[in-house]
Each structure stands twice: as C-alpha cells, then as structure tokens.
Amino acid sequence: MDVKKLKEDIIQYSQTIGIDKIGFASADPFVELKERLRLQQQLGYQSGFEEPDIEKRTDPALLLDEAKSIISIALAYPSKMKNAPRSTKEEKRGIFCRASWGTDYHIILQERLLKLKEFILERVPNAKVKSMVDTGELADRAVAERAGIGWSGKNCAIITPEFGSYVYLGEMITNIPLPPDNPIENRCGSCTKCLDACPTGALVQGGQLNAQRCIAFLTQTKGFIADEFREKIGNRLYGCDTCQTVCPENKGKDFHFHEEMEPDPEVVKPLLKPLLHMTNREFREKFGTLSGAWRGKKPIQRNAILALAHFQDRTAIPDLLKLLKEDSRPVIRGTAAWALGKIGDENVMPILEEALQIEKDEEVLREIKKGLQLLMNRRKDGKNQPTIT
C-alpha cells in the first residue's frame, strides 16, 4: 500500500465533502495529556461530561486494535449572524453561543466522517477505523494539536491560522500507518486577553480551565446555579463565547461555508418570556436541532429566568409569579423566587411570604428567603421602584 498516495487522496477527497481542514497524527499515547488530566481530576476542575477513564482518553490503542494513526478534521462555523434581532424594553432576548448555531455539529461532523470512512474502505477494504466527535473518548483538541490543525490556545480552544478558534473538531482512528503532520507554532505569546476577560475566572492560567466555574459548563447544569455566578451568566442561555470573541486571532474571522450551520436568528437569539412556559413538545420543535438543546428545556428555562433578572425586566414579574406558584420543578420555582427578589416591588413581598408558608422543598425555601432578603435590602436602601398594577 502506498500510504503517501492514500494520504494525498484522502486530503483531496476531504475538500470535496466540506471538510475545511484535515491533519494526520500518530496514534501514540498522549503522555503529557494524561498527566494534565490527572491533575485536573485531582483539583476537581473537570466538568463531569468527559469520558471518566483517563486511559481511554489518552491511549488510542485501547479504542481500536492495532491503531497506527489518527485523522483529525475541522469545519469552520460562522461567528456573525445576519439580521440579528435586538432586545427591546418590553421584550428581552437570550443568546445561544456560536457553537450551537445551526444544525447540531455532532450530526454534521459524523456525516463527514462517515463519508471519509467509506472512501477509505473502498481503497483499503480490510482497514479498521473508529470515528468520534466531541462525546467520544479521545480529547479532540489534543488530537487536533498533534495533527497540526491548530495550536492549543490559552483559552483551551484549538486556534487555527485560517479560521481562528471558530471550528468544530472530529477524528478517526485507523490501523493504516498514514504519514503524520507536524504540530504548528503556538502564537499566543504573552497575550492574556482571554484570561483577563473570563467572567468567572474559570481560566486559572493559560491552558488550564476549571470547568466547574466555566459559564459554558454552568449553563448546561440542571440544578441551582451558585449565587456568585448568577449575575455573570447575563443573558446566555447556552454556552459562552467571551474567551473567543476577545482573542486577537479571531478578529475578522467569519466563515459561512456550510448552509446547515447558518443560525435562525429567532431560534438562537429567542425572546425570553415565551421560553418560560414552553411545553416539551414546543421546546423540541423550536430548539431540537441545536446542539444546545441536548440537556432539555429545564436548564434553558432556568437560564432564561436568570437573564430576565439580569435585565431587571419588571414586565416578567407576572410570568415569574406563575412559575413560582404553578411549576412542578423545584429549580424553576426557586430560581423564579430569587429573580422576583431581584426585580420585584412591594406587591411581590406578600406573595413570597405566602409561598414561604406553602413550599415544602428545602432548596426552594432557601431561594424564597433569598428573594425576600433582596426585597428587604432594597427597602432599607430606599431603592424600591413604583408599584406595578
């Protein structure tokens, strides 16, 4: 088998099926990564969404017999939205991060990798291949770095010279010994803009992330958000782009190569109040094709409540009162109670006091007390706003 010619053929074919960049790496164990992951685990910095077995994350041979090489692919996604709607005084909006615009990227990359697999098996019928995207065992960024797709930035994202960090990554392990590419130079230098801009200090240092503090992670959790993070989430419904938008390497980077990645402005920047009362079916119909919908509607609705509190949107008080009184989910009731304390007026206090007598859930009771305390603090400070009738 002429592996050099096969590599050239794979590269050429990849360009015909919408793969924007492709690189090749050895399937040797990721020794340095293993040590970093162990440290992350010891420090409690992992999100819990990762593959828990560090050996599987760092040794391709455990995932495919006779693994010899890994093919890494990257697809560029848009960073700018055409005709983006704006919030108004009466109708505030939330936002999904750029990586969740358009069709779920897992589907897009899996389709490209399937075509690549079929192409390879036509030429090498006895080849072994194993593909994965994000939710697989291997660390996508480590593979992409080794394969020369880009360098690992201080914001823990792969940064490509061509597309910045606005790329989706996927990989394919194979037993074909394809010639590897060389890693590329890290161009971050002394820049610390991403570290300085991180809203929660989740970027502990260049290349080290405490996922437990990362807004992208927090927006995907299903429980109560810790008090210290609630204001910092702002109007983010899913994910966070801050460490990417401030990166000088992303300046002017905006690519619209793939129609299925184009955002529907009303879907990725939706009105907040209608979100609060959606049924499961309505949520799936509107947001089901987004990668940001993978955790279901509860986290998105909780984040919408936080966004309304962030905006101090007093027109949402009736919606929040309805959630407090009628919603069956403690996280939603409790977050609504806290938000009412943030934006409510004198009319809200007796309703929260009544809820305090009726509510049975301990966590919700704590949130109601927080809401009442916020209202009382404002009363003491003389900052009560005119009553809504």
Protein backbone atom coordinates (compact mmCIF):
# COMPACT_ATOMS: atom_id res chain seq x y z
CA MET A 1 0.00 0.00 0.00
CA ASP A 2 1.31 3.46 -0.92
CA VAL A 3 0.33 5.32 2.24
CA LYS A 4 1.68 8.65 0.97
CA LYS A 5 -0.56 8.46 -2.10
CA LEU A 6 -3.51 7.36 0.07
CA LYS A 7 -2.96 10.37 2.34
CA GLU A 8 -2.94 12.71 -0.66
CA ASP A 9 -6.14 11.11 -1.97
CA ILE A 10 -7.81 11.50 1.44
CA ILE A 11 -6.85 15.16 1.58
CA GLN A 12 -8.21 15.83 -1.90
CA TYR A 13 -11.43 13.93 -1.22
CA SER A 14 -11.95 15.72 2.09
CA GLN A 15 -12.08 19.04 0.25
CA THR A 16 -14.94 17.79 -1.94
CA ILE A 17 -17.18 16.83 1.00
CA GLY A 18 -16.99 20.01 3.03
CA ILE A 19 -14.08 19.35 5.37
CA ASP A 20 -12.27 22.68 5.76
CA LYS A 21 -9.03 21.35 7.24
CA ILE A 22 -7.58 17.91 7.74
CA GLY A 23 -4.48 16.71 9.56
CA PHE A 24 -2.79 13.42 10.38
CA ALA A 25 -1.20 12.27 13.63
CA SER A 26 0.36 9.17 15.10
CA ALA A 27 -1.74 7.04 17.41
CA ASP A 28 0.92 7.02 20.11
CA PRO A 29 -0.34 7.55 23.69
CA PHE A 30 -0.84 11.18 24.76
CA VAL A 31 1.56 11.01 27.69
CA GLU A 32 1.65 14.72 28.62
CA LEU A 33 -2.12 14.98 28.31
CA LYS A 34 -2.52 12.06 30.72
CA GLU A 35 -0.61 13.93 33.41
CA ARG A 36 -2.61 17.11 32.83
CA LEU A 37 -5.90 15.21 33.05
CA ARG A 38 -4.82 13.53 36.28
CA LEU A 39 -4.03 16.94 37.75
CA GLN A 40 -7.39 18.32 36.58
CA GLN A 41 -9.10 15.37 38.23
CA GLN A 42 -7.22 15.89 41.49
CA LEU A 43 -8.06 19.59 41.52
CA GLY A 44 -11.75 18.95 40.80
CA TYR A 45 -11.58 21.03 37.61
CA GLN A 46 -13.37 18.55 35.32
CA SER A 47 -16.94 19.11 34.17
CA GLY A 48 -18.15 15.53 34.57
CA PHE A 49 -19.30 15.43 30.95
CA GLU A 50 -15.98 13.91 29.84
CA GLU A 51 -15.09 10.26 29.43
CA PRO A 52 -14.12 9.35 33.03
CA ASP A 53 -11.42 6.81 32.08
CA ILE A 54 -8.22 8.81 31.56
CA GLU A 55 -6.52 5.81 29.98
CA LYS A 56 -9.15 5.69 27.22
CA ARG A 57 -8.87 9.45 26.72
CA THR A 58 -5.14 9.23 26.13
CA ASP A 59 -4.39 5.83 24.55
CA PRO A 60 -5.92 5.26 21.08
CA ALA A 61 -4.83 1.61 21.18
CA LEU A 62 -7.47 0.99 23.84
CA LEU A 63 -10.14 2.17 21.41
CA LEU A 64 -9.01 0.42 18.22
CA ASP A 65 -6.86 -2.68 17.82
CA GLU A 66 -3.59 -2.02 16.00
CA ALA A 67 -4.18 1.74 15.98
CA LYS A 68 -1.48 3.41 13.89
CA SER A 69 -2.71 6.90 13.07
CA ILE A 70 -5.46 9.42 13.67
CA ILE A 71 -7.11 11.66 11.10
CA SER A 72 -8.27 14.98 12.53
CA ILE A 73 -10.83 17.15 10.76
CA ALA A 74 -12.03 20.71 11.30
CA LEU A 75 -15.08 22.55 9.96
CA ALA A 76 -15.33 26.32 10.24
CA TYR A 77 -18.53 27.82 11.63
CA PRO A 78 -19.91 31.38 11.43
CA SER A 79 -19.07 33.99 14.07
CA LYS A 80 -21.52 36.64 12.89
CA MET A 81 -25.29 36.50 12.50
CA LYS A 82 -27.16 38.27 9.73
CA ASN A 83 -30.26 40.24 10.74
CA ALA A 84 -29.80 39.56 14.44
CA PRO A 85 -32.87 40.70 16.42
CA ARG A 86 -32.38 43.11 19.31
CA SER A 87 -33.90 43.21 22.75
CA THR A 88 -36.47 45.91 23.36
CA LYS A 89 -37.70 47.43 26.62
CA GLU A 90 -40.71 45.12 26.64
CA GLU A 91 -39.18 42.03 25.01
CA LYS A 92 -35.75 40.89 26.16
CA ARG A 93 -33.80 38.17 24.40
CA GLY A 94 -31.29 35.47 25.36
CA ILE A 95 -28.46 34.06 23.27
CA PHE A 96 -27.06 30.66 22.35
CA CYS A 97 -23.30 30.54 21.82
CA ARG A 98 -21.93 30.40 18.27
CA ALA A 99 -21.02 26.72 18.53
CA SER A 100 -24.74 25.98 18.92
CA TRP A 101 -25.91 27.88 15.85
CA GLY A 102 -27.45 25.87 13.05
CA THR A 103 -27.79 22.10 13.00
CA ASP A 104 -26.18 20.15 15.84
CA TYR A 105 -22.49 19.93 14.89
CA HIS A 106 -22.28 16.31 16.05
CA ILE A 107 -24.60 15.37 13.20
CA ILE A 108 -22.68 17.47 10.66
CA LEU A 109 -19.25 16.08 11.57
CA GLN A 110 -20.46 12.49 11.88
CA GLU A 111 -21.83 12.73 8.34
CA ARG A 112 -18.46 13.99 7.04
CA LEU A 113 -16.57 11.29 8.93
CA LEU A 114 -18.89 8.60 7.57
CA LYS A 115 -18.15 9.70 4.01
CA LEU A 116 -14.44 9.71 4.79
CA LYS A 117 -14.70 6.22 6.26
CA GLU A 118 -16.47 4.89 3.16
CA PHE A 119 -13.82 6.49 0.93
CA ILE A 120 -11.01 4.83 2.88
CA LEU A 121 -12.70 1.40 2.99
CA GLU A 122 -13.21 1.49 -0.78
CA ARG A 123 -9.43 1.73 -1.16
CA VAL A 124 -8.42 -0.39 1.83
CA PRO A 125 -11.28 -2.84 2.42
CA ASN A 126 -9.63 -4.53 5.40
CA ALA A 127 -8.83 -1.24 7.16
CA LYS A 128 -10.05 -0.64 10.70
CA VAL A 129 -11.49 2.76 11.58
CA LYS A 130 -13.22 4.34 14.57
CA SER A 131 -14.69 7.83 14.37
CA MET A 132 -15.77 10.18 17.14
CA VAL A 133 -16.99 13.74 17.66
CA ASP A 134 -16.75 15.53 21.00
CA THR A 135 -18.58 12.87 23.01
CA GLY A 136 -16.02 10.19 22.12
CA GLU A 137 -13.26 9.05 24.40
CA LEU A 138 -10.32 10.90 22.87
CA ALA A 139 -9.62 14.57 23.61
CA ASP A 140 -10.42 16.31 20.32
CA ARG A 141 -8.13 19.24 20.99
CA ALA A 142 -5.11 17.09 21.81
CA VAL A 143 -5.57 15.15 18.57
CA ALA A 144 -6.02 18.34 16.52
CA GLU A 145 -2.92 19.88 18.09
CA ARG A 146 -0.77 16.85 17.29
CA ALA A 147 -2.17 16.70 13.75
CA GLY A 148 -1.25 20.31 13.00
CA ILE A 149 -4.83 21.59 12.75
CA GLY A 150 -4.01 24.40 15.15
CA TRP A 151 -2.35 25.18 18.45
CA SER A 152 -3.94 24.90 21.88
CA GLY A 153 -4.65 28.45 22.98
CA LYS A 154 -4.59 29.88 26.47
CA ASN A 155 -8.39 29.77 26.30
CA CYS A 156 -8.14 25.96 25.93
CA ALA A 157 -9.50 26.11 22.38
CA ILE A 158 -7.75 24.96 19.23
CA ILE A 159 -6.82 28.05 17.24
CA THR A 160 -6.24 27.61 13.52
CA PRO A 161 -4.33 30.17 11.43
CA GLU A 162 -7.11 30.13 8.84
CA PHE A 163 -10.33 30.14 10.88
CA GLY A 164 -9.29 31.15 14.37
CA SER A 165 -10.95 29.04 17.04
CA TYR A 166 -14.34 29.00 15.31
CA VAL A 167 -14.01 25.36 14.25
CA TYR A 168 -15.71 22.07 15.10
CA LEU A 169 -13.38 19.12 15.57
CA GLY A 170 -13.69 15.40 14.91
CA GLU A 171 -11.29 12.50 14.45
CA MET A 172 -10.90 9.00 13.10
CA ILE A 173 -8.50 6.36 14.45
CA THR A 174 -7.25 3.85 11.90
CA ASN A 175 -4.80 0.97 11.65
CA ILE A 176 -3.38 2.43 8.42
CA PRO A 177 0.07 3.97 9.10
CA LEU A 178 -0.57 7.31 7.40
CA PRO A 179 2.36 9.79 7.43
CA PRO A 180 1.86 12.26 10.30
CA ASP A 181 1.83 16.04 10.00
CA ASN A 182 3.78 18.35 12.28
CA PRO A 183 2.24 20.46 15.03
CA ILE A 184 2.21 24.19 14.33
CA GLU A 185 3.71 27.02 16.35
CA ASN A 186 1.74 28.42 19.27
CA ARG A 187 1.12 32.11 18.53
CA CYS A 188 -0.48 33.17 21.82
CA GLY A 189 2.79 34.67 23.05
CA SER A 190 2.37 36.98 26.03
CA CYS A 191 -1.29 37.76 25.27
CA THR A 192 -3.65 37.20 28.21
CA LYS A 193 -6.86 38.76 26.86
CA CYS A 194 -8.90 35.58 27.30
CA LEU A 195 -7.73 35.10 30.88
CA ASP A 196 -8.46 38.73 31.72
CA ALA A 197 -11.93 38.67 30.14
CA CYS A 198 -13.23 35.37 31.57
CA PRO A 199 -16.30 36.44 33.61
CA THR A 200 -15.81 33.89 36.38
CA GLY A 201 -12.05 33.38 36.44
CA ALA A 202 -12.53 29.86 35.09
CA LEU A 203 -9.30 30.16 33.11
CA VAL A 204 -6.95 29.51 36.01
CA GLN A 205 -3.91 30.11 33.82
CA GLY A 206 -3.07 29.80 30.15
CA GLY A 207 -4.23 26.36 29.00
CA GLN A 208 -5.83 25.38 32.32
CA LEU A 209 -9.59 25.58 32.81
CA ASN A 210 -11.62 25.00 35.94
CA ALA A 211 -14.74 23.70 34.18
CA GLN A 212 -16.76 23.98 37.40
CA ARG A 213 -16.53 27.79 37.10
CA CYS A 214 -16.90 27.99 33.31
CA ILE A 215 -20.14 29.63 32.17
CA ALA A 216 -20.32 27.27 29.19
CA PHE A 217 -20.50 24.40 31.68
CA LEU A 218 -22.75 26.15 34.18
CA THR A 219 -25.41 26.85 31.55
CA GLN A 220 -25.64 23.09 30.91
CA THR A 221 -26.12 22.02 34.52
CA LYS A 222 -29.62 21.12 35.72
CA GLY A 223 -29.55 22.25 39.33
CA PHE A 224 -29.45 25.64 41.03
CA ILE A 225 -26.70 27.99 39.88
CA ALA A 226 -24.45 29.15 42.73
CA ASP A 227 -25.19 32.74 43.78
CA GLU A 228 -21.77 34.04 42.73
CA PHE A 229 -22.37 33.07 39.10
CA ARG A 230 -25.97 34.18 38.57
CA GLU A 231 -25.27 37.78 37.54
CA LYS A 232 -22.25 36.74 35.49
CA ILE A 233 -24.28 34.45 33.25
CA GLY A 234 -26.04 37.52 31.88
CA ASN A 235 -28.43 36.63 29.08
CA ARG A 236 -26.56 33.49 28.00
CA LEU A 237 -28.95 30.58 27.53
CA TYR A 238 -26.31 28.10 26.45
CA GLY A 239 -22.55 28.34 26.28
CA CYS A 240 -20.20 31.31 26.43
CA ASP A 241 -18.14 32.97 23.70
CA THR A 242 -16.20 35.54 25.71
CA CYS A 243 -12.78 33.88 25.59
CA GLN A 244 -13.18 33.51 21.82
CA THR A 245 -14.55 36.95 20.97
CA VAL A 246 -11.69 38.74 22.75
CA CYS A 247 -9.00 36.61 21.07
CA PRO A 248 -6.92 38.64 18.57
CA GLU A 249 -6.58 35.54 16.38
CA ASN A 250 -10.37 35.61 15.85
CA LYS A 251 -10.51 39.24 14.72
CA GLY A 252 -12.24 39.40 11.35
CA LYS A 253 -12.80 35.63 11.23
CA ASP A 254 -16.28 34.82 9.97
CA PHE A 255 -16.91 31.96 7.56
CA HIS A 256 -20.17 30.82 6.02
CA PHE A 257 -19.11 27.67 4.19
CA HIS A 258 -21.88 25.36 5.37
CA GLU A 259 -25.56 26.14 4.94
CA GLU A 260 -26.58 23.83 7.77
CA MET A 261 -24.50 25.91 10.22
CA GLU A 262 -26.33 29.15 9.47
CA PRO A 263 -28.31 30.37 12.50
CA ASP A 264 -32.01 31.10 12.58
CA PRO A 265 -31.93 34.44 14.45
CA GLU A 266 -35.25 33.84 16.20
CA VAL A 267 -34.04 30.45 17.44
CA VAL A 268 -30.53 31.30 18.64
CA LYS A 269 -31.50 34.71 20.00
CA PRO A 270 -35.00 33.96 21.29
CA LEU A 271 -37.45 36.04 23.28
CA LEU A 272 -37.11 35.15 26.96
CA LYS A 273 -40.63 35.31 28.34
CA PRO A 274 -42.20 32.85 25.85
CA LEU A 275 -39.42 30.39 26.76
CA LEU A 276 -40.66 30.15 30.33
CA HIS A 277 -43.93 28.44 29.52
CA MET A 278 -42.96 26.15 26.63
CA THR A 279 -44.09 22.53 26.70
CA ASN A 280 -41.57 19.80 25.99
CA ARG A 281 -43.02 19.42 22.52
CA GLU A 282 -42.82 23.14 21.76
CA PHE A 283 -39.23 23.20 23.01
CA ARG A 284 -38.22 20.29 20.78
CA GLU A 285 -39.95 21.79 17.76
CA LYS A 286 -38.13 25.11 18.13
CA PHE A 287 -34.76 24.14 19.56
CA GLY A 288 -34.44 20.39 18.96
CA THR A 289 -31.96 20.69 16.07
CA LEU A 290 -29.48 22.73 18.15
CA SER A 291 -26.59 21.13 20.00
CA GLY A 292 -27.55 23.46 22.85
CA ALA A 293 -30.80 21.57 23.38
CA TRP A 294 -29.11 18.32 24.41
CA ARG A 295 -29.86 18.77 28.12
CA GLY A 296 -33.54 19.52 27.58
CA LYS A 297 -35.59 22.60 28.37
CA LYS A 298 -35.06 22.95 32.14
CA PRO A 299 -31.53 24.40 32.04
CA ILE A 300 -32.52 26.77 29.23
CA GLN A 301 -35.61 27.94 31.12
CA ARG A 302 -33.62 28.40 34.34
CA ASN A 303 -31.07 30.45 32.39
CA ALA A 304 -33.91 32.50 30.86
CA ILE A 305 -35.08 33.38 34.38
CA LEU A 306 -31.56 34.48 35.29
CA ALA A 307 -31.42 36.56 32.10
CA LEU A 308 -34.68 38.34 32.98
CA ALA A 309 -33.24 39.12 36.43
CA HIS A 310 -30.04 40.34 34.74
CA PHE A 311 -32.08 42.72 32.58
CA GLN A 312 -34.16 43.83 35.60
CA ASP A 313 -37.16 43.12 33.38
CA ARG A 314 -40.15 44.04 35.55
CA THR A 315 -42.57 43.14 32.74
CA ALA A 316 -41.65 39.50 33.50
CA ILE A 317 -42.98 39.64 37.09
CA PRO A 318 -46.35 38.02 36.19
CA ASP A 319 -44.53 35.20 34.36
CA LEU A 320 -42.21 34.60 37.31
CA LEU A 321 -45.11 34.61 39.77
CA LYS A 322 -46.85 31.99 37.66
CA LEU A 323 -43.74 29.79 37.74
CA LEU A 324 -43.39 30.20 41.49
CA LYS A 325 -46.99 29.17 42.08
CA GLU A 326 -47.51 26.51 39.43
CA ASP A 327 -44.29 24.94 38.15
CA SER A 328 -43.63 21.42 39.40
CA ARG A 329 -39.83 21.69 39.18
CA PRO A 330 -38.03 22.96 42.30
CA VAL A 331 -35.16 24.53 40.31
CA ILE A 332 -37.58 26.62 38.28
CA ARG A 333 -39.72 27.64 41.28
CA GLY A 334 -36.68 28.51 43.34
CA THR A 335 -34.88 30.45 40.62
CA ALA A 336 -38.11 32.36 39.91
CA ALA A 337 -38.38 33.27 43.61
CA TRP A 338 -34.83 34.61 43.63
CA ALA A 339 -35.45 36.56 40.41
CA LEU A 340 -38.59 38.09 41.90
CA GLY A 341 -36.46 39.33 44.77
CA LYS A 342 -34.06 40.89 42.27
CA ILE A 343 -36.65 42.73 40.20
CA GLY A 344 -39.85 42.75 42.26
CA ASP A 345 -41.60 45.51 44.21
CA GLU A 346 -43.72 45.84 47.35
CA ASN A 347 -46.50 43.78 45.73
CA VAL A 348 -44.19 40.79 45.45
CA MET A 349 -43.23 40.57 49.12
CA PRO A 350 -46.54 39.18 50.46
CA ILE A 351 -46.63 36.64 47.64
CA LEU A 352 -43.13 35.40 48.54
CA GLU A 353 -44.12 35.33 52.22
CA GLU A 354 -47.16 33.22 51.35
CA ALA A 355 -45.01 30.89 49.25
CA LEU A 356 -42.69 30.51 52.23
CA GLN A 357 -45.57 29.04 54.23
CA ILE A 358 -46.72 26.67 51.46
CA GLU A 359 -43.48 25.43 49.89
CA LYS A 360 -42.15 22.04 51.03
CA ASP A 361 -38.85 21.77 49.13
CA GLU A 362 -35.89 22.86 51.27
CA GLU A 363 -33.88 24.29 48.38
CA VAL A 364 -36.83 26.29 47.11
CA LEU A 365 -37.45 27.61 50.62
CA ARG A 366 -33.86 28.88 50.72
CA GLU A 367 -34.39 30.67 47.40
CA ILE A 368 -37.63 32.27 48.61
CA LYS A 369 -35.77 33.56 51.67
CA LYS A 370 -33.05 34.95 49.42
CA GLY A 371 -35.71 36.70 47.35
CA LEU A 372 -37.31 38.21 50.44
CA GLN A 373 -33.92 39.36 51.71
CA LEU A 374 -33.19 41.08 48.40
CA LEU A 375 -36.52 42.90 48.61
CA MET A 376 -35.90 43.94 52.21
CA ASN A 377 -32.41 45.17 51.37
CA ARG A 378 -33.82 47.38 48.66
CA ARG A 379 -36.46 48.72 51.03
CA LYS A 380 -33.74 49.64 53.55
CA ASP A 381 -31.71 51.32 50.82
CA GLY A 382 -34.75 53.25 49.66
CA LYS A 383 -34.49 51.80 46.18
CA ASN A 384 -37.99 50.42 45.80
CA GLN A 385 -39.43 51.17 42.42
CA PRO A 386 -43.01 52.33 41.68
CA THR A 387 -45.61 49.62 42.12
CA ILE A 388 -46.96 47.84 39.04
CA THR A 389 -50.71 47.45 38.94
